[in-house]
Amino acid sequence: MRAVVFGYHEIGYVCLEELILGGVEVLCLFTHEDDPQEQVWFRKPESLAVAHNIPVYKAYSLKDETWVHRIREMAPHIIFSFYYRNMIPQAILDIPTIGSFNLHGSLLPQYRGRCPVNWVLIKGEKKTGVTLHYMVEKPDAGDIIGQREVPIAFDDTAYTVFMKMAHEARLLIREILPQLEKGTFTRIPQEGLGKSSYFGGRKPEDGLIAWENDAVSIYNLVRAVTHPYPGAFTYLGGKKLYIWKAYPEEDTWNATPGRILSERPFMVGTGKGILKLLNVQLEGEEEMDGEAFATLHHLKDKILGGQL
């Protein structure tokens, strides 16, 4: 089976690796230049492709007819998209004889769109997963070919959930490849599988904490965007204070949202409950243990979130 692969990120790496191990003839890899504003903490499929003498392309625009003609000349049986971030034109999706398939990081039809691993944590979900589906003109809307579920623990972060998803993505590709080659796979329309949901991309400024929210919701934001993501933050003395690790506690103080209740432990009031800050970092400084930071700066009774 001949495949053209579009891929990036850790899931792009493990899925490409599984294709190679499964004996698929990978004709080429389309991937991305790294974003200079993004921390590259993951393995990139480009390195794997180079190691296996697979041609690598970084197309500025796939709408260029040159790419359509080139892929058509390759005559792939199948196209895969593994965390490739750009839309692939329909003219390319129509080329392979078996079909064009995308690996999405959620249990479709829920959490279509961007950043699903972050959004499921922000929303406090207890499970997510990975879905292989047909690519159609509308994003993440095509028939489902296979899914694998990923449980989310209360202390999981976006990183730990993502790595669970990468593991399940590998297993899903391993499981589905023989079916794709033999034509024995099933197609399940997303209509009828329950209510769909769609979420857009996220920016670093979306990590701003609203202390009026309840402690669990703020905790979910913190763990959804902690390392290696840009981080949840508030303001202290006009500077950003990043909160890299926290934990919700019941409110025994009846506290004002954002008020620092104690330094040891570093406790902050919210709209409901209190939040214990375990690891923090003031803009321009090193990351510190929460208690040590609060004690050093004498923060008791100060208010986070405004100009002090």
C-alpha atoms as a PDB file:
ATOM      1  CA  MET A   1       0.000   0.000   0.000  1.00  0.00           C
ATOM      2  CA  ARG A   2       1.392   3.387  -1.036  1.00  0.00           C
ATOM      3  CA  ALA A   3       0.723   6.400   1.169  1.00  0.00           C
ATOM      4  CA  VAL A   4       1.298  10.135   1.154  1.00  0.00           C
ATOM      5  CA  VAL A   5       1.551  11.425   4.722  1.00  0.00           C
ATOM      6  CA  PHE A   6       0.871  14.896   6.083  1.00  0.00           C
ATOM      7  CA  GLY A   7       2.157  15.107   9.646  1.00  0.00           C
ATOM      8  CA  TYR A   8       3.682  17.003  12.527  1.00  0.00           C
ATOM      9  CA  HIS A   9       4.120  16.745  16.297  1.00  0.00           C
ATOM     10  CA  GLU A  10       4.514  13.632  18.493  1.00  0.00           C
ATOM     11  CA  ILE A  11       1.401  11.950  17.107  1.00  0.00           C
ATOM     12  CA  GLY A  12       2.706  12.571  13.597  1.00  0.00           C
ATOM     13  CA  TYR A  13       5.936  10.845  14.618  1.00  0.00           C
ATOM     14  CA  VAL A  14       4.417   7.735  16.198  1.00  0.00           C
ATOM     15  CA  CYS A  15       1.844   7.261  13.436  1.00  0.00           C
ATOM     16  CA  LEU A  16       4.459   7.593  10.685  1.00  0.00           C
ATOM     17  CA  GLU A  17       6.651   5.140  12.575  1.00  0.00           C
ATOM     18  CA  GLU A  18       3.763   2.671  12.722  1.00  0.00           C
ATOM     19  CA  LEU A  19       3.197   2.968   8.968  1.00  0.00           C
ATOM     20  CA  ILE A  20       6.875   2.212   8.332  1.00  0.00           C
ATOM     21  CA  LEU A  21       6.828  -0.749  10.733  1.00  0.00           C
ATOM     22  CA  GLY A  22       3.638  -1.974   9.076  1.00  0.00           C
ATOM     23  CA  GLY A  23       5.294  -2.155   5.666  1.00  0.00           C
ATOM     24  CA  VAL A  24       3.485   0.789   4.103  1.00  0.00           C
ATOM     25  CA  GLU A  25       5.382   2.416   1.236  1.00  0.00           C
ATOM     26  CA  VAL A  26       5.465   6.056   2.365  1.00  0.00           C
ATOM     27  CA  LEU A  27       5.936   8.086  -0.794  1.00  0.00           C
ATOM     28  CA  CYS A  28       6.609  11.389   0.943  1.00  0.00           C
ATOM     29  CA  LEU A  29       5.943  13.475   4.054  1.00  0.00           C
ATOM     30  CA  PHE A  30       4.428  16.934   4.030  1.00  0.00           C
ATOM     31  CA  THR A  31       5.202  18.760   7.276  1.00  0.00           C
ATOM     32  CA  HIS A  32       5.680  22.238   8.781  1.00  0.00           C
ATOM     33  CA  GLU A  33       8.459  24.623   9.584  1.00  0.00           C
ATOM     34  CA  ASP A  34       8.653  25.061  13.368  1.00  0.00           C
ATOM     35  CA  ASP A  35       6.848  28.067  14.841  1.00  0.00           C
ATOM     36  CA  PRO A  36       9.515  30.261  16.524  1.00  0.00           C
ATOM     37  CA  GLN A  37       6.909  31.221  19.164  1.00  0.00           C
ATOM     38  CA  GLU A  38       6.283  27.583  20.087  1.00  0.00           C
ATOM     39  CA  GLN A  39       8.305  25.340  22.384  1.00  0.00           C
ATOM     40  CA  VAL A  40       9.237  22.202  20.446  1.00  0.00           C
ATOM     41  CA  TRP A  41       9.040  19.508  23.123  1.00  0.00           C
ATOM     42  CA  PHE A  42       7.925  16.671  20.826  1.00  0.00           C
ATOM     43  CA  ARG A  43       9.539  14.394  18.284  1.00  0.00           C
ATOM     44  CA  LYS A  44       9.003  15.461  14.696  1.00  0.00           C
ATOM     45  CA  PRO A  45       8.111  13.066  11.873  1.00  0.00           C
ATOM     46  CA  GLU A  46      10.576  14.873   9.635  1.00  0.00           C
ATOM     47  CA  SER A  47      13.522  13.290  11.475  1.00  0.00           C
ATOM     48  CA  LEU A  48      11.999   9.834  11.015  1.00  0.00           C
ATOM     49  CA  ALA A  49      11.347  10.448   7.319  1.00  0.00           C
ATOM     50  CA  VAL A  50      14.921  11.588   6.735  1.00  0.00           C
ATOM     51  CA  ALA A  51      16.253   8.496   8.522  1.00  0.00           C
ATOM     52  CA  HIS A  52      14.224   6.302   6.164  1.00  0.00           C
ATOM     53  CA  ASN A  53      15.016   8.258   2.981  1.00  0.00           C
ATOM     54  CA  ILE A  54      11.444   9.461   2.611  1.00  0.00           C
ATOM     55  CA  PRO A  55      11.179  12.763   0.686  1.00  0.00           C
ATOM     56  CA  VAL A  56      10.068  15.693   2.875  1.00  0.00           C
ATOM     57  CA  TYR A  57       8.115  18.707   1.608  1.00  0.00           C
ATOM     58  CA  LYS A  58       7.159  21.907   3.421  1.00  0.00           C
ATOM     59  CA  ALA A  59       4.574  23.455   1.149  1.00  0.00           C
ATOM     60  CA  TYR A  60       3.741  27.101   1.667  1.00  0.00           C
ATOM     61  CA  SER A  61       0.311  26.525   0.119  1.00  0.00           C
ATOM     62  CA  LEU A  62      -1.219  23.228  -0.929  1.00  0.00           C
ATOM     63  CA  LYS A  63      -3.597  25.157  -3.175  1.00  0.00           C
ATOM     64  CA  ASP A  64      -0.726  25.491  -5.630  1.00  0.00           C
ATOM     65  CA  GLU A  65      -1.665  23.208  -8.570  1.00  0.00           C
ATOM     66  CA  THR A  66       1.939  21.988  -8.641  1.00  0.00           C
ATOM     67  CA  TRP A  67       1.319  19.929  -5.505  1.00  0.00           C
ATOM     68  CA  VAL A  68      -1.920  18.469  -6.826  1.00  0.00           C
ATOM     69  CA  HIS A  69      -0.150  17.296  -9.985  1.00  0.00           C
ATOM     70  CA  ARG A  70       2.841  15.952  -8.081  1.00  0.00           C
ATOM     71  CA  ILE A  71       0.722  13.918  -5.658  1.00  0.00           C
ATOM     72  CA  ARG A  72      -1.441  12.636  -8.515  1.00  0.00           C
ATOM     73  CA  GLU A  73       1.697  11.427 -10.284  1.00  0.00           C
ATOM     74  CA  MET A  74       2.723   9.539  -7.126  1.00  0.00           C
ATOM     75  CA  ALA A  75      -0.552   7.550  -7.407  1.00  0.00           C
ATOM     76  CA  PRO A  76      -1.030   6.903  -3.664  1.00  0.00           C
ATOM     77  CA  HIS A  77      -3.560   4.354  -2.485  1.00  0.00           C
ATOM     78  CA  ILE A  78      -4.149   6.375   0.659  1.00  0.00           C
ATOM     79  CA  ILE A  79      -3.490   9.773   2.264  1.00  0.00           C
ATOM     80  CA  PHE A  80      -3.000  10.191   6.001  1.00  0.00           C
ATOM     81  CA  SER A  81      -3.023  13.404   8.003  1.00  0.00           C
ATOM     82  CA  PHE A  82      -1.489  13.100  11.462  1.00  0.00           C
ATOM     83  CA  TYR A  83      -1.658  16.450  13.313  1.00  0.00           C
ATOM     84  CA  TYR A  84      -0.951  18.380  10.137  1.00  0.00           C
ATOM     85  CA  ARG A  85      -2.166  21.898  10.884  1.00  0.00           C
ATOM     86  CA  ASN A  86      -3.258  23.158   7.471  1.00  0.00           C
ATOM     87  CA  MET A  87      -6.382  22.352   5.511  1.00  0.00           C
ATOM     88  CA  ILE A  88      -5.763  19.963   2.625  1.00  0.00           C
ATOM     89  CA  PRO A  89      -7.646  20.944  -0.564  1.00  0.00           C
ATOM     90  CA  GLN A  90     -10.384  18.644  -1.817  1.00  0.00           C
ATOM     91  CA  ALA A  91      -8.502  18.210  -5.100  1.00  0.00           C
ATOM     92  CA  ILE A  92      -5.767  16.401  -3.140  1.00  0.00           C
ATOM     93  CA  LEU A  93      -8.156  14.469  -0.892  1.00  0.00           C
ATOM     94  CA  ASP A  94      -9.835  13.016  -3.989  1.00  0.00           C
ATOM     95  CA  ILE A  95      -6.619  11.532  -5.395  1.00  0.00           C
ATOM     96  CA  PRO A  96      -6.061   8.249  -3.454  1.00  0.00           C
ATOM     97  CA  THR A  97      -7.991   5.118  -4.404  1.00  0.00           C
ATOM     98  CA  ILE A  98      -8.723   3.977  -0.821  1.00  0.00           C
ATOM     99  CA  GLY A  99      -9.345   7.398   0.681  1.00  0.00           C
ATOM    100  CA  SER A 100      -7.927  10.257   2.738  1.00  0.00           C
ATOM    101  CA  PHE A 101      -7.949   9.932   6.521  1.00  0.00           C
ATOM    102  CA  ASN A 102      -7.213  12.234   9.449  1.00  0.00           C
ATOM    103  CA  LEU A 103      -6.191  11.332  13.003  1.00  0.00           C
ATOM    104  CA  HIS A 104      -8.003  13.703  15.387  1.00  0.00           C
ATOM    105  CA  GLY A 105      -7.242  14.044  19.101  1.00  0.00           C
ATOM    106  CA  SER A 106     -10.719  13.564  20.565  1.00  0.00           C
ATOM    107  CA  LEU A 107     -13.679  11.221  20.552  1.00  0.00           C
ATOM    108  CA  LEU A 108     -15.541  12.671  17.595  1.00  0.00           C
ATOM    109  CA  PRO A 109     -18.055  14.190  17.140  1.00  0.00           C
ATOM    110  CA  GLN A 110     -17.094  15.893  20.428  1.00  0.00           C
ATOM    111  CA  TYR A 111     -14.270  18.452  20.456  1.00  0.00           C
ATOM    112  CA  ARG A 112     -13.897  19.032  16.756  1.00  0.00           C
ATOM    113  CA  GLY A 113     -11.461  21.794  15.865  1.00  0.00           C
ATOM    114  CA  ARG A 114      -8.218  22.998  17.417  1.00  0.00           C
ATOM    115  CA  CYS A 115      -6.399  22.185  20.679  1.00  0.00           C
ATOM    116  CA  PRO A 116      -8.703  19.328  21.807  1.00  0.00           C
ATOM    117  CA  VAL A 117      -6.247  18.081  24.459  1.00  0.00           C
ATOM    118  CA  ASN A 118      -6.311  21.482  26.181  1.00  0.00           C
ATOM    119  CA  TRP A 119     -10.041  21.978  25.840  1.00  0.00           C
ATOM    120  CA  VAL A 120     -11.031  18.625  27.360  1.00  0.00           C
ATOM    121  CA  LEU A 121      -9.074  19.514  30.512  1.00  0.00           C
ATOM    122  CA  ILE A 122     -10.447  23.052  30.686  1.00  0.00           C
ATOM    123  CA  LYS A 123     -13.935  21.573  30.494  1.00  0.00           C
ATOM    124  CA  GLY A 124     -13.171  19.000  33.195  1.00  0.00           C
ATOM    125  CA  GLU A 125     -13.762  15.909  31.045  1.00  0.00           C
ATOM    126  CA  LYS A 126     -12.979  12.478  32.477  1.00  0.00           C
ATOM    127  CA  LYS A 127     -12.142  10.882  29.139  1.00  0.00           C
ATOM    128  CA  THR A 128     -11.012  11.741  25.630  1.00  0.00           C
ATOM    129  CA  GLY A 129      -9.479   9.714  22.840  1.00  0.00           C
ATOM    130  CA  VAL A 130      -8.268   9.562  19.254  1.00  0.00           C
ATOM    131  CA  THR A 131     -10.341   9.129  16.110  1.00  0.00           C
ATOM    132  CA  LEU A 132      -9.379   8.145  12.569  1.00  0.00           C
ATOM    133  CA  HIS A 133     -11.919   9.547  10.135  1.00  0.00           C
ATOM    134  CA  TYR A 134     -12.447  10.333   6.482  1.00  0.00           C
ATOM    135  CA  MET A 135     -11.398  13.827   5.518  1.00  0.00           C
ATOM    136  CA  VAL A 136     -14.138  15.934   3.952  1.00  0.00           C
ATOM    137  CA  GLU A 137     -14.413  19.636   3.209  1.00  0.00           C
ATOM    138  CA  LYS A 138     -15.764  20.424   6.695  1.00  0.00           C
ATOM    139  CA  PRO A 139     -13.093  19.928   9.413  1.00  0.00           C
ATOM    140  CA  ASP A 140     -13.345  16.769  11.545  1.00  0.00           C
ATOM    141  CA  ALA A 141     -16.778  15.877  10.149  1.00  0.00           C
ATOM    142  CA  GLY A 142     -16.140  12.800   7.983  1.00  0.00           C
ATOM    143  CA  ASP A 143     -17.173   9.201   8.655  1.00  0.00           C
ATOM    144  CA  ILE A 144     -15.359   7.504  11.535  1.00  0.00           C
ATOM    145  CA  ILE A 145     -13.121   4.524  10.775  1.00  0.00           C
ATOM    146  CA  GLY A 146     -11.890   3.806  14.295  1.00  0.00           C
ATOM    147  CA  GLN A 147     -11.527   5.244  17.795  1.00  0.00           C
ATOM    148  CA  ARG A 148      -9.628   4.504  20.980  1.00  0.00           C
ATOM    149  CA  GLU A 149     -10.547   5.956  24.366  1.00  0.00           C
ATOM    150  CA  VAL A 150      -8.171   7.689  26.813  1.00  0.00           C
ATOM    151  CA  PRO A 151      -9.120   8.102  30.501  1.00  0.00           C
ATOM    152  CA  ILE A 152      -8.313  11.437  32.156  1.00  0.00           C
ATOM    153  CA  ALA A 153      -7.227  11.386  35.806  1.00  0.00           C
ATOM    154  CA  PHE A 154      -7.835  14.419  38.044  1.00  0.00           C
ATOM    155  CA  ASP A 155      -4.083  15.057  38.295  1.00  0.00           C
ATOM    156  CA  ASP A 156      -3.399  14.688  34.566  1.00  0.00           C
ATOM    157  CA  THR A 157      -1.986  17.641  32.640  1.00  0.00           C
ATOM    158  CA  ALA A 158      -2.171  18.391  28.922  1.00  0.00           C
ATOM    159  CA  TYR A 159       1.253  16.770  28.527  1.00  0.00           C
ATOM    160  CA  THR A 160       0.349  13.512  30.263  1.00  0.00           C
ATOM    161  CA  VAL A 161      -2.977  13.284  28.420  1.00  0.00           C
ATOM    162  CA  PHE A 162      -1.268  14.006  25.105  1.00  0.00           C
ATOM    163  CA  MET A 163       1.276  11.242  25.661  1.00  0.00           C
ATOM    164  CA  LYS A 164      -1.551   8.805  26.483  1.00  0.00           C
ATOM    165  CA  MET A 165      -3.220   9.887  23.252  1.00  0.00           C
ATOM    166  CA  ALA A 166      -0.007   9.327  21.274  1.00  0.00           C
ATOM    167  CA  HIS A 167       0.193   5.782  22.617  1.00  0.00           C
ATOM    168  CA  GLU A 168      -3.418   5.077  21.654  1.00  0.00           C
ATOM    169  CA  ALA A 169      -2.924   6.683  18.231  1.00  0.00           C
ATOM    170  CA  ARG A 170      -0.101   4.236  17.536  1.00  0.00           C
ATOM    171  CA  LEU A 171      -2.301   1.305  18.550  1.00  0.00           C
ATOM    172  CA  LEU A 172      -5.197   2.585  16.462  1.00  0.00           C
ATOM    173  CA  ILE A 173      -3.044   2.803  13.318  1.00  0.00           C
ATOM    174  CA  ARG A 174      -1.598  -0.646  14.004  1.00  0.00           C
ATOM    175  CA  GLU A 175      -5.115  -2.028  14.425  1.00  0.00           C
ATOM    176  CA  ILE A 176      -6.659  -0.359  11.386  1.00  0.00           C
ATOM    177  CA  LEU A 177      -3.889  -0.769   8.771  1.00  0.00           C
ATOM    178  CA  PRO A 178      -4.760  -4.374   7.791  1.00  0.00           C
ATOM    179  CA  GLN A 179      -8.416  -3.377   7.410  1.00  0.00           C
ATOM    180  CA  LEU A 180      -7.494  -0.452   5.164  1.00  0.00           C
ATOM    181  CA  GLU A 181      -5.320  -2.665   2.965  1.00  0.00           C
ATOM    182  CA  LYS A 182      -8.009  -5.359   2.635  1.00  0.00           C
ATOM    183  CA  GLY A 183     -10.902  -2.933   2.352  1.00  0.00           C
ATOM    184  CA  THR A 184     -12.665  -4.492   5.355  1.00  0.00           C
ATOM    185  CA  PHE A 185     -12.951  -1.310   7.424  1.00  0.00           C
ATOM    186  CA  THR A 186     -16.320   0.140   8.374  1.00  0.00           C
ATOM    187  CA  ARG A 187     -17.570   3.710   7.982  1.00  0.00           C
ATOM    188  CA  ILE A 188     -19.661   5.200  10.783  1.00  0.00           C
ATOM    189  CA  PRO A 189     -21.333   8.553   9.999  1.00  0.00           C
ATOM    190  CA  GLN A 190     -20.901  11.048  12.826  1.00  0.00           C
ATOM    191  CA  GLU A 191     -24.562  11.999  12.631  1.00  0.00           C
ATOM    192  CA  GLY A 192     -26.403   9.939  15.206  1.00  0.00           C
ATOM    193  CA  LEU A 193     -23.387   9.560  17.512  1.00  0.00           C
ATOM    194  CA  GLY A 194     -24.555  12.328  19.827  1.00  0.00           C
ATOM    195  CA  LYS A 195     -24.224  16.074  19.942  1.00  0.00           C
ATOM    196  CA  SER A 196     -21.137  17.495  18.263  1.00  0.00           C
ATOM    197  CA  SER A 197     -19.022  20.325  19.654  1.00  0.00           C
ATOM    198  CA  TYR A 198     -16.418  22.578  18.092  1.00  0.00           C
ATOM    199  CA  PHE A 199     -13.602  24.555  19.729  1.00  0.00           C
ATOM    200  CA  GLY A 200     -11.232  27.058  18.158  1.00  0.00           C
ATOM    201  CA  GLY A 201      -7.522  27.608  18.620  1.00  0.00           C
ATOM    202  CA  ARG A 202      -5.993  29.036  21.788  1.00  0.00           C
ATOM    203  CA  LYS A 203      -3.519  31.884  22.301  1.00  0.00           C
ATOM    204  CA  PRO A 204      -1.145  32.486  25.266  1.00  0.00           C
ATOM    205  CA  GLU A 205      -3.357  35.336  26.509  1.00  0.00           C
ATOM    206  CA  ASP A 206      -6.227  32.868  26.921  1.00  0.00           C
ATOM    207  CA  GLY A 207      -4.417  31.611  30.021  1.00  0.00           C
ATOM    208  CA  LEU A 208      -5.512  34.642  32.074  1.00  0.00           C
ATOM    209  CA  ILE A 209      -7.124  33.480  35.336  1.00  0.00           C
ATOM    210  CA  ALA A 210     -10.509  34.859  36.412  1.00  0.00           C
ATOM    211  CA  TRP A 211     -10.465  34.434  40.202  1.00  0.00           C
ATOM    212  CA  GLU A 212     -14.256  34.778  40.288  1.00  0.00           C
ATOM    213  CA  ASN A 213     -14.427  31.280  38.811  1.00  0.00           C
ATOM    214  CA  ASP A 214     -14.495  28.298  41.158  1.00  0.00           C
ATOM    215  CA  ALA A 215     -11.266  26.636  42.323  1.00  0.00           C
ATOM    216  CA  VAL A 216     -11.760  23.461  40.290  1.00  0.00           C
ATOM    217  CA  SER A 217     -12.307  25.418  37.062  1.00  0.00           C
ATOM    218  CA  ILE A 218      -9.143  27.452  37.670  1.00  0.00           C
ATOM    219  CA  TYR A 219      -7.248  24.260  38.495  1.00  0.00           C
ATOM    220  CA  ASN A 220      -8.458  22.755  35.207  1.00  0.00           C
ATOM    221  CA  LEU A 221      -7.132  25.783  33.316  1.00  0.00           C
ATOM    222  CA  VAL A 222      -3.766  25.535  35.086  1.00  0.00           C
ATOM    223  CA  ARG A 223      -3.281  21.855  34.231  1.00  0.00           C
ATOM    224  CA  ALA A 224      -4.561  22.383  30.692  1.00  0.00           C
ATOM    225  CA  VAL A 225      -1.883  24.954  29.804  1.00  0.00           C
ATOM    226  CA  THR A 226       1.019  24.168  32.148  1.00  0.00           C
ATOM    227  CA  HIS A 227       4.439  23.089  30.789  1.00  0.00           C
ATOM    228  CA  PRO A 228       5.130  22.661  27.912  1.00  0.00           C
ATOM    229  CA  TYR A 229       2.255  25.024  27.036  1.00  0.00           C
ATOM    230  CA  PRO A 230       2.336  28.824  27.646  1.00  0.00           C
ATOM    231  CA  GLY A 231       0.831  28.676  31.155  1.00  0.00           C
ATOM    232  CA  ALA A 232      -2.044  30.102  33.206  1.00  0.00           C
ATOM    233  CA  PHE A 233      -1.305  33.502  34.712  1.00  0.00           C
ATOM    234  CA  THR A 234      -2.557  36.330  36.872  1.00  0.00           C
ATOM    235  CA  TYR A 235      -1.019  39.695  37.807  1.00  0.00           C
ATOM    236  CA  LEU A 236       1.036  40.685  40.828  1.00  0.00           C
ATOM    237  CA  GLY A 237       2.404  44.210  41.107  1.00  0.00           C
ATOM    238  CA  GLY A 238       1.845  44.849  37.424  1.00  0.00           C
ATOM    239  CA  LYS A 239       3.786  41.739  36.380  1.00  0.00           C
ATOM    240  CA  LYS A 240       2.501  38.423  35.148  1.00  0.00           C
ATOM    241  CA  LEU A 241       2.569  35.677  37.748  1.00  0.00           C
ATOM    242  CA  TYR A 242       2.478  32.270  36.078  1.00  0.00           C
ATOM    243  CA  ILE A 243       0.919  29.407  37.995  1.00  0.00           C
ATOM    244  CA  TRP A 244       2.444  26.167  36.798  1.00  0.00           C
ATOM    245  CA  LYS A 245       1.034  23.832  39.412  1.00  0.00           C
ATOM    246  CA  ALA A 246      -1.894  24.210  41.798  1.00  0.00           C
ATOM    247  CA  TYR A 247      -4.548  22.203  43.594  1.00  0.00           C
ATOM    248  CA  PRO A 248      -8.115  23.047  44.647  1.00  0.00           C
ATOM    249  CA  GLU A 249      -9.196  22.981  48.288  1.00  0.00           C
ATOM    250  CA  GLU A 250     -12.515  23.534  50.011  1.00  0.00           C
ATOM    251  CA  ASP A 251     -13.137  27.118  51.166  1.00  0.00           C
ATOM    252  CA  THR A 252     -13.050  27.359  54.951  1.00  0.00           C
ATOM    253  CA  TRP A 253     -12.286  31.101  54.873  1.00  0.00           C
ATOM    254  CA  ASN A 254     -15.225  32.446  52.843  1.00  0.00           C
ATOM    255  CA  ALA A 255     -12.520  34.238  50.897  1.00  0.00           C
ATOM    256  CA  THR A 256     -12.563  37.144  48.465  1.00  0.00           C
ATOM    257  CA  PRO A 257     -11.639  35.955  44.949  1.00  0.00           C
ATOM    258  CA  GLY A 258      -7.944  36.601  44.308  1.00  0.00           C
ATOM    259  CA  ARG A 259      -7.077  37.383  47.949  1.00  0.00           C
ATOM    260  CA  ILE A 260      -3.971  35.633  49.268  1.00  0.00           C
ATOM    261  CA  LEU A 261      -5.098  33.902  52.464  1.00  0.00           C
ATOM    262  CA  SER A 262      -1.824  32.436  53.641  1.00  0.00           C
ATOM    263  CA  GLU A 263       1.802  32.082  52.571  1.00  0.00           C
ATOM    264  CA  ARG A 264       2.490  28.635  54.023  1.00  0.00           C
ATOM    265  CA  PRO A 265       0.673  27.054  52.270  1.00  0.00           C
ATOM    266  CA  PHE A 266       0.196  29.570  49.466  1.00  0.00           C
ATOM    267  CA  MET A 267      -3.614  29.798  49.400  1.00  0.00           C
ATOM    268  CA  VAL A 268      -5.752  32.083  47.207  1.00  0.00           C
ATOM    269  CA  GLY A 269      -9.497  32.666  47.370  1.00  0.00           C
ATOM    270  CA  THR A 270     -11.742  32.009  44.369  1.00  0.00           C
ATOM    271  CA  GLY A 271     -15.425  32.327  43.556  1.00  0.00           C
ATOM    272  CA  LYS A 272     -15.946  28.947  45.226  1.00  0.00           C
ATOM    273  CA  GLY A 273     -13.235  27.100  47.117  1.00  0.00           C
ATOM    274  CA  ILE A 274      -9.585  28.045  47.435  1.00  0.00           C
ATOM    275  CA  LEU A 275      -6.580  27.288  45.282  1.00  0.00           C
ATOM    276  CA  LYS A 276      -3.254  26.128  46.675  1.00  0.00           C
ATOM    277  CA  LEU A 277      -0.414  27.449  44.492  1.00  0.00           C
ATOM    278  CA  LEU A 278       2.398  24.894  44.368  1.00  0.00           C
ATOM    279  CA  ASN A 279       4.716  26.202  41.627  1.00  0.00           C
ATOM    280  CA  VAL A 280       4.767  29.796  40.386  1.00  0.00           C
ATOM    281  CA  GLN A 281       6.956  32.113  38.339  1.00  0.00           C
ATOM    282  CA  LEU A 282       6.986  35.895  38.345  1.00  0.00           C
ATOM    283  CA  GLU A 283       7.609  37.424  34.941  1.00  0.00           C
ATOM    284  CA  GLY A 284      11.354  37.756  34.367  1.00  0.00           C
ATOM    285  CA  GLU A 285      12.294  35.425  37.258  1.00  0.00           C
ATOM    286  CA  GLU A 286      12.876  31.718  37.768  1.00  0.00           C
ATOM    287  CA  GLU A 287      10.101  29.287  38.637  1.00  0.00           C
ATOM    288  CA  MET A 288       9.791  28.761  42.407  1.00  0.00           C
ATOM    289  CA  ASP A 289       8.005  26.672  44.976  1.00  0.00           C
ATOM    290  CA  GLY A 290       4.772  28.478  45.841  1.00  0.00           C
ATOM    291  CA  GLU A 291       5.345  28.689  49.597  1.00  0.00           C
ATOM    292  CA  ALA A 292       8.900  29.953  49.185  1.00  0.00           C
ATOM    293  CA  PHE A 293       7.747  32.602  46.704  1.00  0.00           C
ATOM    294  CA  ALA A 294       4.854  33.836  48.883  1.00  0.00           C
ATOM    295  CA  THR A 295       7.056  34.029  51.971  1.00  0.00           C
ATOM    296  CA  LEU A 296       9.835  35.834  50.113  1.00  0.00           C
ATOM    297  CA  HIS A 297       7.454  38.510  48.788  1.00  0.00           C
ATOM    298  CA  HIS A 298       5.292  38.816  51.953  1.00  0.00           C
ATOM    299  CA  LEU A 299       2.064  38.288  50.037  1.00  0.00           C
ATOM    300  CA  LYS A 300      -0.527  37.578  52.724  1.00  0.00           C
ATOM    301  CA  ASP A 301      -3.737  39.598  52.219  1.00  0.00           C
ATOM    302  CA  LYS A 302      -2.642  40.976  48.856  1.00  0.00           C
ATOM    303  CA  ILE A 303      -4.962  40.597  45.872  1.00  0.00           C
ATOM    304  CA  LEU A 304      -3.962  38.824  42.676  1.00  0.00           C
ATOM    305  CA  GLY A 305      -5.306  39.888  39.330  1.00  0.00           C
ATOM    306  CA  GLY A 306      -5.041  43.681  39.523  1.00  0.00           C
ATOM    307  CA  GLN A 307      -2.463  46.426  39.846  1.00  0.00           C
ATOM    308  CA  LEU A 308      -1.149  46.366  43.418  1.00  0.00           C
END
